[in-house]
PDB file of N, CA and C in Angstrom:
ATOM      1  N   MET A   1      71.497 107.337 239.776  1.00  0.00           N
ATOM      2  CA  MET A   1      71.296 106.113 240.124  1.00  0.00           C
ATOM      3  C   MET A   1      69.708 105.745 240.020  1.00  0.00           C
ATOM      4  N   ALA A   2      69.167 104.139 240.080  1.00  0.00           N
ATOM      5  CA  ALA A   2      68.473 104.220 240.077  1.00  0.00           C
ATOM      6  C   ALA A   2      67.160 103.144 240.979  1.00  0.00           C
ATOM      7  N   VAL A   3      66.194 102.257 240.916  1.00  0.00           N
ATOM      8  CA  VAL A   3      65.628 101.879 241.128  1.00  0.00           C
ATOM      9  C   VAL A   3      64.971 101.230 240.073  1.00  0.00           C
ATOM     10  N   TYR A   4      65.153  99.308 240.521  1.00  0.00           N
ATOM     11  CA  TYR A   4      64.954  99.127 239.963  1.00  0.00           C
ATOM     12  C   TYR A   4      63.914  97.199 240.409  1.00  0.00           C
ATOM     13  N   VAL A   5      63.440  96.681 239.552  1.00  0.00           N
ATOM     14  CA  VAL A   5      62.001  95.766 239.127  1.00  0.00           C
ATOM     15  C   VAL A   5      63.133  94.375 238.327  1.00  0.00           C
ATOM     16  N   ASP A   6      63.369  93.529 238.942  1.00  0.00           N
ATOM     17  CA  ASP A   6      63.404  92.022 237.523  1.00  0.00           C
ATOM     18  C   ASP A   6      62.386  91.583 237.464  1.00  0.00           C
ATOM     19  N   GLU A   7      62.002  90.660 236.474  1.00  0.00           N
ATOM     20  CA  GLU A   7      60.815  89.391 235.839  1.00  0.00           C
ATOM     21  C   GLU A   7      60.004  89.072 237.252  1.00  0.00           C
ATOM     22  N   VAL A   8      58.992  88.519 236.941  1.00  0.00           N
ATOM     23  CA  VAL A   8      58.197  88.110 237.649  1.00  0.00           C
ATOM     24  C   VAL A   8      58.529  86.537 237.334  1.00  0.00           C
ATOM     25  N   ARG A   9      58.811  85.791 238.516  1.00  0.00           N
ATOM     26  CA  ARG A   9      58.677  84.700 238.445  1.00  0.00           C
ATOM     27  C   ARG A   9      57.493  83.240 239.257  1.00  0.00           C
ATOM     28  N   ARG A  10      56.986  82.686 238.919  1.00  0.00           N
ATOM     29  CA  ARG A  10      56.041  81.761 239.383  1.00  0.00           C
ATOM     30  C   ARG A  10      56.426  80.570 240.054  1.00  0.00           C
ATOM     31  N   TRP A  11      56.553  80.801 241.575  1.00  0.00           N
ATOM     32  CA  TRP A  11      56.737  79.776 242.703  1.00  0.00           C
ATOM     33  C   TRP A  11      55.276  78.499 242.908  1.00  0.00           C
ATOM     34  N   TRP A  12      55.210  77.449 242.802  1.00  0.00           N
ATOM     35  CA  TRP A  12      54.451  76.637 242.883  1.00  0.00           C
ATOM     36  C   TRP A  12      54.485  76.439 244.231  1.00  0.00           C
ATOM     37  N   TRP A  13      55.186  76.885 245.133  1.00  0.00           N
ATOM     38  CA  TRP A  13      54.714  76.903 246.645  1.00  0.00           C
ATOM     39  C   TRP A  13      54.234  77.293 247.367  1.00  0.00           C
ATOM     40  N   ALA A  14      54.260  78.990 246.391  1.00  0.00           N
ATOM     41  CA  ALA A  14      53.537  80.552 247.449  1.00  0.00           C
ATOM     42  C   ALA A  14      52.748  80.022 247.539  1.00  0.00           C
ATOM     43  N   ARG A  15      51.999  80.724 248.809  1.00  0.00           N
ATOM     44  CA  ARG A  15      51.245  81.482 248.848  1.00  0.00           C
ATOM     45  C   ARG A  15      50.307  82.886 249.125  1.00  0.00           C
ATOM     46  N   PRO A  16      49.380  83.205 249.297  1.00  0.00           N
ATOM     47  CA  PRO A  16      48.794  84.484 248.821  1.00  0.00           C
ATOM     48  C   PRO A  16      49.466  85.194 249.600  1.00  0.00           C
ATOM     49  N   PRO A  17      49.787  86.447 248.666  1.00  0.00           N
ATOM     50  CA  PRO A  17      49.147  86.758 247.597  1.00  0.00           C
ATOM     51  C   PRO A  17      50.682  86.653 246.656  1.00  0.00           C
ATOM     52  N   PHE A  18      51.221  86.007 246.782  1.00  0.00           N
ATOM     53  CA  PHE A  18      52.303  85.779 245.905  1.00  0.00           C
ATOM     54  C   PHE A  18      52.099  84.503 244.985  1.00  0.00           C
ATOM     55  N   HIS A  19      51.185  83.841 244.888  1.00  0.00           N
ATOM     56  CA  HIS A  19      50.774  82.513 244.491  1.00  0.00           C
ATOM     57  C   HIS A  19      50.809  83.015 242.460  1.00  0.00           C
ATOM     58  N   ARG A  20      50.788  84.256 242.239  1.00  0.00           N
ATOM     59  CA  ARG A  20      50.864  84.650 241.610  1.00  0.00           C
ATOM     60  C   ARG A  20      52.194  84.962 240.866  1.00  0.00           C
ATOM     61  N   GLY A  21      52.586  84.933 241.346  1.00  0.00           N
ATOM     62  CA  GLY A  21      53.921  84.870 241.140  1.00  0.00           C
ATOM     63  C   GLY A  21      54.728  86.466 241.513  1.00  0.00           C
ATOM     64  N   SER A  22      56.447  86.703 242.187  1.00  0.00           N
ATOM     65  CA  SER A  22      57.148  87.617 243.015  1.00  0.00           C
ATOM     66  C   SER A  22      58.061  88.035 241.616  1.00  0.00           C
ATOM     67  N   CYS A  23      58.598  89.127 242.186  1.00  0.00           N
ATOM     68  CA  CYS A  23      59.703  90.317 241.775  1.00  0.00           C
ATOM     69  C   CYS A  23      60.348  90.471 243.032  1.00  0.00           C
ATOM     70  N   HIS A  24      61.119  91.158 242.991  1.00  0.00           N
ATOM     71  CA  HIS A  24      62.432  92.370 243.797  1.00  0.00           C
ATOM     72  C   HIS A  24      62.613  93.652 243.145  1.00  0.00           C
ATOM     73  N   LEU A  25      62.184  94.500 244.327  1.00  0.00           N
ATOM     74  CA  LEU A  25      62.752  95.561 244.342  1.00  0.00           C
ATOM     75  C   LEU A  25      63.889  95.796 244.747  1.00  0.00           C
ATOM     76  N   THR A  26      64.991  95.871 243.908  1.00  0.00           N
ATOM     77  CA  THR A  26      65.929  96.523 244.861  1.00  0.00           C
ATOM     78  C   THR A  26      66.804  98.073 244.580  1.00  0.00           C
ATOM     79  N   ALA A  27      67.519  99.063 244.278  1.00  0.00           N
ATOM     80  CA  ALA A  27      68.323  99.923 243.682  1.00  0.00           C
ATOM     81  C   ALA A  27      69.670 100.792 244.350  1.00  0.00           C
ATOM     82  N   ASP A  28      70.358 101.022 243.730  1.00  0.00           N
ATOM     83  CA  ASP A  28      71.970 101.699 243.561  1.00  0.00           C
ATOM     84  C   ASP A  28      71.851 102.163 244.967  1.00  0.00           C
ATOM     85  N   SER A  29      70.974 102.732 246.285  1.00  0.00           N
ATOM     86  CA  SER A  29      71.128 103.116 247.375  1.00  0.00           C
ATOM     87  C   SER A  29      70.144 102.280 247.789  1.00  0.00           C
ATOM     88  N   GLU A  30      70.111 102.175 249.364  1.00  0.00           N
ATOM     89  CA  GLU A  30      69.055 102.332 250.024  1.00  0.00           C
ATOM     90  C   GLU A  30      68.220 102.576 250.869  1.00  0.00           C
ATOM     91  N   HIS A  31      68.283 104.389 250.257  1.00  0.00           N
ATOM     92  CA  HIS A  31      68.157 105.414 250.407  1.00  0.00           C
ATOM     93  C   HIS A  31      66.986 105.993 249.644  1.00  0.00           C
ATOM     94  N   GLU A  32      67.641 105.546 248.665  1.00  0.00           N
ATOM     95  CA  GLU A  32      66.202 105.043 247.239  1.00  0.00           C
ATOM     96  C   GLU A  32      65.470 103.960 246.934  1.00  0.00           C
ATOM     97  N   LEU A  33      65.826 103.015 247.251  1.00  0.00           N
ATOM     98  CA  LEU A  33      65.234 101.951 247.544  1.00  0.00           C
ATOM     99  C   LEU A  33      63.628 102.202 248.111  1.00  0.00           C
ATOM    100  N   HIS A  34      63.548 102.757 249.794  1.00  0.00           N
ATOM    101  CA  HIS A  34      62.961 102.729 250.875  1.00  0.00           C
ATOM    102  C   HIS A  34      62.496 104.127 250.164  1.00  0.00           C
ATOM    103  N   ALA A  35      62.548 104.958 249.522  1.00  0.00           N
ATOM    104  CA  ALA A  35      61.891 106.435 249.147  1.00  0.00           C
ATOM    105  C   ALA A  35      60.930 106.035 248.150  1.00  0.00           C
ATOM    106  N   LEU A  36      61.078 104.889 246.887  1.00  0.00           N
ATOM    107  CA  LEU A  36      60.786 104.792 246.290  1.00  0.00           C
ATOM    108  C   LEU A  36      58.938 103.570 247.305  1.00  0.00           C
ATOM    109  N   ALA A  37      59.810 102.552 247.397  1.00  0.00           N
ATOM    110  CA  ALA A  37      59.480 101.722 248.440  1.00  0.00           C
ATOM    111  C   ALA A  37      57.773 102.242 248.856  1.00  0.00           C
ATOM    112  N   GLY A  38      58.114 103.618 249.939  1.00  0.00           N
ATOM    113  CA  GLY A  38      57.055 104.637 250.530  1.00  0.00           C
ATOM    114  C   GLY A  38      56.214 105.017 249.374  1.00  0.00           C
ATOM    115  N   ARG A  39      56.116 105.505 248.361  1.00  0.00           N
ATOM    116  CA  ARG A  39      55.689 106.052 247.814  1.00  0.00           C
ATOM    117  C   ARG A  39      54.284 105.261 246.784  1.00  0.00           C
ATOM    118  N   ILE A  40      55.204 103.362 247.577  1.00  0.00           N
ATOM    119  CA  ILE A  40      54.161 103.101 246.609  1.00  0.00           C
ATOM    120  C   ILE A  40      53.274 102.162 247.498  1.00  0.00           C
ATOM    121  N   GLY A  41      53.795 102.428 249.034  1.00  0.00           N
ATOM    122  CA  GLY A  41      52.545 101.785 250.251  1.00  0.00           C
ATOM    123  C   GLY A  41      53.421 101.378 250.469  1.00  0.00           C
ATOM    124  N   LEU A  42      54.483 100.223 249.898  1.00  0.00           N
ATOM    125  CA  LEU A  42      55.300  99.358 250.403  1.00  0.00           C
ATOM    126  C   LEU A  42      55.191  99.475 252.469  1.00  0.00           C
ATOM    127  N   HIS A  43      55.947  99.122 252.885  1.00  0.00           N
ATOM    128  CA  HIS A  43      55.797  98.614 254.532  1.00  0.00           C
ATOM    129  C   HIS A  43      57.231  98.424 255.055  1.00  0.00           C
ATOM    130  N   ARG A  44      58.036  99.761 255.501  1.00  0.00           N
ATOM    131  CA  ARG A  44      59.209  99.377 256.419  1.00  0.00           C
ATOM    132  C   ARG A  44      59.746  98.102 256.377  1.00  0.00           C
ATOM    133  N   ALA A  45      58.625  96.911 257.352  1.00  0.00           N
ATOM    134  CA  ALA A  45      58.962  95.726 257.860  1.00  0.00           C
ATOM    135  C   ALA A  45      59.046  95.000 256.667  1.00  0.00           C
ATOM    136  N   TRP A  46      58.621  95.347 255.475  1.00  0.00           N
ATOM    137  CA  TRP A  46      58.957  94.155 254.389  1.00  0.00           C
ATOM    138  C   TRP A  46      59.855  94.240 253.709  1.00  0.00           C
ATOM    139  N   PHE A  47      60.811  94.901 254.257  1.00  0.00           N
ATOM    140  CA  PHE A  47      62.200  95.258 253.767  1.00  0.00           C
ATOM    141  C   PHE A  47      63.273  93.648 253.745  1.00  0.00           C
ATOM    142  N   GLN A  48      63.979  93.269 253.137  1.00  0.00           N
ATOM    143  CA  GLN A  48      64.937  92.154 253.383  1.00  0.00           C
ATOM    144  C   GLN A  48      66.060  92.825 252.964  1.00  0.00           C
ATOM    145  N   PRO A  49      66.977  92.986 254.080  1.00  0.00           N
ATOM    146  CA  PRO A  49      67.818  93.117 253.843  1.00  0.00           C
ATOM    147  C   PRO A  49      69.182  92.695 254.259  1.00  0.00           C
ATOM    148  N   ARG A  50      69.282  91.483 253.938  1.00  0.00           N
ATOM    149  CA  ARG A  50      69.676  89.757 253.939  1.00  0.00           C
ATOM    150  C   ARG A  50      70.614  90.018 252.502  1.00  0.00           C
ATOM    151  N   SER A  51      71.351  89.274 251.849  1.00  0.00           N
ATOM    152  CA  SER A  51      72.034  88.967 250.771  1.00  0.00           C
ATOM    153  C   SER A  51      72.042  90.326 250.062  1.00  0.00           C
ATOM    154  N   ARG A  52      70.918  90.731 248.914  1.00  0.00           N
ATOM    155  CA  ARG A  52      70.763  91.734 247.902  1.00  0.00           C
ATOM    156  C   ARG A  52      69.248  92.883 248.975  1.00  0.00           C
ATOM    157  N   PRO A  53      70.355  93.610 249.279  1.00  0.00           N
ATOM    158  CA  PRO A  53      69.047  94.249 250.193  1.00  0.00           C
ATOM    159  C   PRO A  53      67.484  95.128 248.975  1.00  0.00           C
ATOM    160  N   HIS A  54      66.541  94.219 248.745  1.00  0.00           N
ATOM    161  CA  HIS A  54      65.096  94.551 248.200  1.00  0.00           C
ATOM    162  C   HIS A  54      64.074  94.369 249.129  1.00  0.00           C
ATOM    163  N   TYR A  55      62.767  94.687 248.256  1.00  0.00           N
ATOM    164  CA  TYR A  55      62.080  93.817 248.790  1.00  0.00           C
ATOM    165  C   TYR A  55      60.608  92.972 247.812  1.00  0.00           C
ATOM    166  N   ASP A  56      60.029  92.883 248.317  1.00  0.00           N
ATOM    167  CA  ASP A  56      59.199  91.575 247.162  1.00  0.00           C
ATOM    168  C   ASP A  56      58.436  92.016 246.799  1.00  0.00           C
ATOM    169  N   LEU A  57      57.822  92.136 245.519  1.00  0.00           N
ATOM    170  CA  LEU A  57      56.782  92.433 245.001  1.00  0.00           C
ATOM    171  C   LEU A  57      56.369  91.635 244.277  1.00  0.00           C
ATOM    172  N   THR A  58      54.349  91.721 244.689  1.00  0.00           N
ATOM    173  CA  THR A  58      53.381  91.100 243.606  1.00  0.00           C
ATOM    174  C   THR A  58      53.255  92.096 242.043  1.00  0.00           C
ATOM    175  N   PRO A  59      52.627  91.475 241.401  1.00  0.00           N
ATOM    176  CA  PRO A  59      52.591  91.845 240.028  1.00  0.00           C
ATOM    177  C   PRO A  59      51.954  92.543 239.783  1.00  0.00           C
ATOM    178  N   ALA A  60      50.959  93.449 240.369  1.00  0.00           N
ATOM    179  CA  ALA A  60      50.370  94.084 240.682  1.00  0.00           C
ATOM    180  C   ALA A  60      51.204  95.311 241.590  1.00  0.00           C
ATOM    181  N   ILE A  61      51.868  95.124 242.479  1.00  0.00           N
ATOM    182  CA  ILE A  61      52.700  96.300 243.270  1.00  0.00           C
ATOM    183  C   ILE A  61      53.843  96.624 241.993  1.00  0.00           C
ATOM    184  N   ARG A  62      54.302  95.316 241.339  1.00  0.00           N
ATOM    185  CA  ARG A  62      55.393  95.403 240.272  1.00  0.00           C
ATOM    186  C   ARG A  62      55.197  97.431 238.970  1.00  0.00           C
ATOM    187  N   GLU A  63      53.599  96.781 239.028  1.00  0.00           N
ATOM    188  CA  GLU A  63      53.182  97.976 238.012  1.00  0.00           C
ATOM    189  C   GLU A  63      53.147  98.936 238.486  1.00  0.00           C
ATOM    190  N   HIS A  64      52.693  99.352 239.990  1.00  0.00           N
ATOM    191  CA  HIS A  64      52.905 100.520 240.550  1.00  0.00           C
ATOM    192  C   HIS A  64      54.546 100.751 240.653  1.00  0.00           C
ATOM    193  N   ALA A  65      55.275 100.043 240.605  1.00  0.00           N
ATOM    194  CA  ALA A  65      56.898 100.463 241.071  1.00  0.00           C
ATOM    195  C   ALA A  65      57.319 100.914 239.635  1.00  0.00           C
ATOM    196  N   LEU A  66      57.086 100.767 238.734  1.00  0.00           N
ATOM    197  CA  LEU A  66      57.254 100.904 237.520  1.00  0.00           C
ATOM    198  C   LEU A  66      56.780 102.435 236.947  1.00  0.00           C
ATOM    199  N   ALA A  67      55.059 102.122 237.183  1.00  0.00           N
ATOM    200  CA  ALA A  67      55.001 103.061 236.935  1.00  0.00           C
ATOM    201  C   ALA A  67      55.487 104.238 238.011  1.00  0.00           C
ATOM    202  N   ALA A  68      55.897 104.223 239.131  1.00  0.00           N
ATOM    203  CA  ALA A  68      56.652 105.836 239.826  1.00  0.00           C
ATOM    204  C   ALA A  68      57.909 106.114 239.654  1.00  0.00           C
ATOM    205  N   GLY A  69      58.608 104.845 238.415  1.00  0.00           N
ATOM    206  CA  GLY A  69      59.832 105.845 238.139  1.00  0.00           C
ATOM    207  C   GLY A  69      60.954 103.864 238.648  1.00  0.00           C
ATOM    208  N   ALA A  70      60.305 102.885 238.682  1.00  0.00           N
ATOM    209  CA  ALA A  70      61.127 101.883 238.522  1.00  0.00           C
ATOM    210  C   ALA A  70      61.464 101.585 237.070  1.00  0.00           C
ATOM    211  N   VAL A  71      63.084 100.788 236.813  1.00  0.00           N
ATOM    212  CA  VAL A  71      63.128 100.926 235.750  1.00  0.00           C
ATOM    213  C   VAL A  71      63.365  98.862 235.390  1.00  0.00           C
ATOM    214  N   PHE A  72      63.307  98.369 234.628  1.00  0.00           N
ATOM    215  CA  PHE A  72      62.741  96.730 234.747  1.00  0.00           C
ATOM    216  C   PHE A  72      64.868  96.639 234.502  1.00  0.00           C
ATOM    217  N   MET A  73      65.265  95.779 235.848  1.00  0.00           N
ATOM    218  CA  MET A  73      66.788  95.142 234.973  1.00  0.00           C
ATOM    219  C   MET A  73      66.361  93.725 234.908  1.00  0.00           C
ATOM    220  N   PRO A  74      66.915  92.614 234.174  1.00  0.00           N
ATOM    221  CA  PRO A  74      66.519  91.432 234.674  1.00  0.00           C
ATOM    222  C   PRO A  74      67.558  91.178 235.724  1.00  0.00           C
ATOM    223  N   ALA A  75      67.207  90.225 236.958  1.00  0.00           N
ATOM    224  CA  ALA A  75      67.598  89.428 237.871  1.00  0.00           C
ATOM    225  C   ALA A  75      69.547  89.164 237.277  1.00  0.00           C
ATOM    226  N   ARG A  76      69.505  88.403 236.238  1.00  0.00           N
ATOM    227  CA  ARG A  76      70.525  88.166 236.411  1.00  0.00           C
ATOM    228  C   ARG A  76      71.753  89.961 235.614  1.00  0.00           C
ATOM    229  N   GLU A  77      71.471  90.515 235.090  1.00  0.00           N
ATOM    230  CA  GLU A  77      71.949  92.005 234.633  1.00  0.00           C
ATOM    231  C   GLU A  77      72.365  92.923 236.102  1.00  0.00           C
ATOM    232  N   GLN A  78      71.112  92.921 237.250  1.00  0.00           N
ATOM    233  CA  GLN A  78      71.548  93.559 238.779  1.00  0.00           C
ATOM    234  C   GLN A  78      72.628  92.613 239.104  1.00  0.00           C
ATOM    235  N   VAL A  79      72.701  91.458 239.089  1.00  0.00           N
ATOM    236  CA  VAL A  79      73.979  90.381 239.467  1.00  0.00           C
ATOM    237  C   VAL A  79      74.904  90.973 239.389  1.00  0.00           C
ATOM    238  N   LEU A  80      75.376  91.161 238.137  1.00  0.00           N
ATOM    239  CA  LEU A  80      75.843  91.658 237.033  1.00  0.00           C
ATOM    240  C   LEU A  80      76.811  92.982 237.210  1.00  0.00           C
ATOM    241  N   LEU A  81      76.033  94.194 237.228  1.00  0.00           N
ATOM    242  CA  LEU A  81      76.009  94.838 238.484  1.00  0.00           C
ATOM    243  C   LEU A  81      76.388  95.503 239.290  1.00  0.00           C
ATOM    244  N   ARG A  82      76.228  94.486 239.928  1.00  0.00           N
ATOM    245  CA  ARG A  82      76.403  94.179 241.476  1.00  0.00           C
ATOM    246  C   ARG A  82      77.735  94.022 241.848  1.00  0.00           C
ATOM    247  N   ARG A  83      78.440  93.409 241.193  1.00  0.00           N
ATOM    248  CA  ARG A  83      79.987  92.460 240.867  1.00  0.00           C
ATOM    249  C   ARG A  83      80.396  93.783 240.619  1.00  0.00           C
ATOM    250  N   ARG A  84      80.464  94.306 239.677  1.00  0.00           N
ATOM    251  CA  ARG A  84      81.192  95.203 238.415  1.00  0.00           C
ATOM    252  C   ARG A  84      81.357  96.822 239.771  1.00  0.00           C
ATOM    253  N   ALA A  85      80.260  96.845 240.501  1.00  0.00           N
ATOM    254  CA  ALA A  85      80.291  97.557 241.471  1.00  0.00           C
ATOM    255  C   ALA A  85      80.877  98.065 242.405  1.00  0.00           C
ATOM    256  N   SER A  86      81.264  96.515 243.138  1.00  0.00           N
ATOM    257  CA  SER A  86      82.547  96.215 244.226  1.00  0.00           C
ATOM    258  C   SER A  86      83.308  95.906 244.185  1.00  0.00           C
ATOM    259  N   ARG A  87      83.909  96.098 242.457  1.00  0.00           N
ATOM    260  CA  ARG A  87      85.379  95.810 242.306  1.00  0.00           C
ATOM    261  C   ARG A  87      86.433  96.543 242.623  1.00  0.00           C
TER     262      ARG A  87
END
């Protein structure tokens, strides 16, 4: 089981703090996701359960997530991993 972050993407329309880009924090289980999110100071209210459960991260918080044990996995690979797991 693992917690993942994907690549930072920049959005021309985004407002602070996401104007410098954002990425996603996801996990193999919601329990792991919320546990790591709590360790790096994310509020549970920021959790986004629709489509694929995740938290949005700024580039600075992404670094905290990686230091806390999250693993980099490109977004495309995460989608493929989820498709294989749901079969």
